[in-house]
């Protein structure tokens, strides 16, 4: 879980930087649109990481979360864009 958290944190940092200082307008626009999704995902990973450390959530409880709090799968990404 730590590697996933670190990867999301790095992605948010890179997209945040690129949304402000990106070289191309298209890439800058993409970074601006994608950043809120990555920030939400980072928050979710952090919540799960903290919950798993505390032992509060079971896989069943994770599965019962509302859809907007579940990880985005390939099919979801295809429908979004």
Foldseek 3Di string as FASTA:
>chain_A
DVVVLVVLVVLLVVLVVCLPVNDDPVSVVVSVVCNVVSVLVSVLVVVVVVCVVVVNDDVVNLVPDPPVSHDQDPVNVVVVD
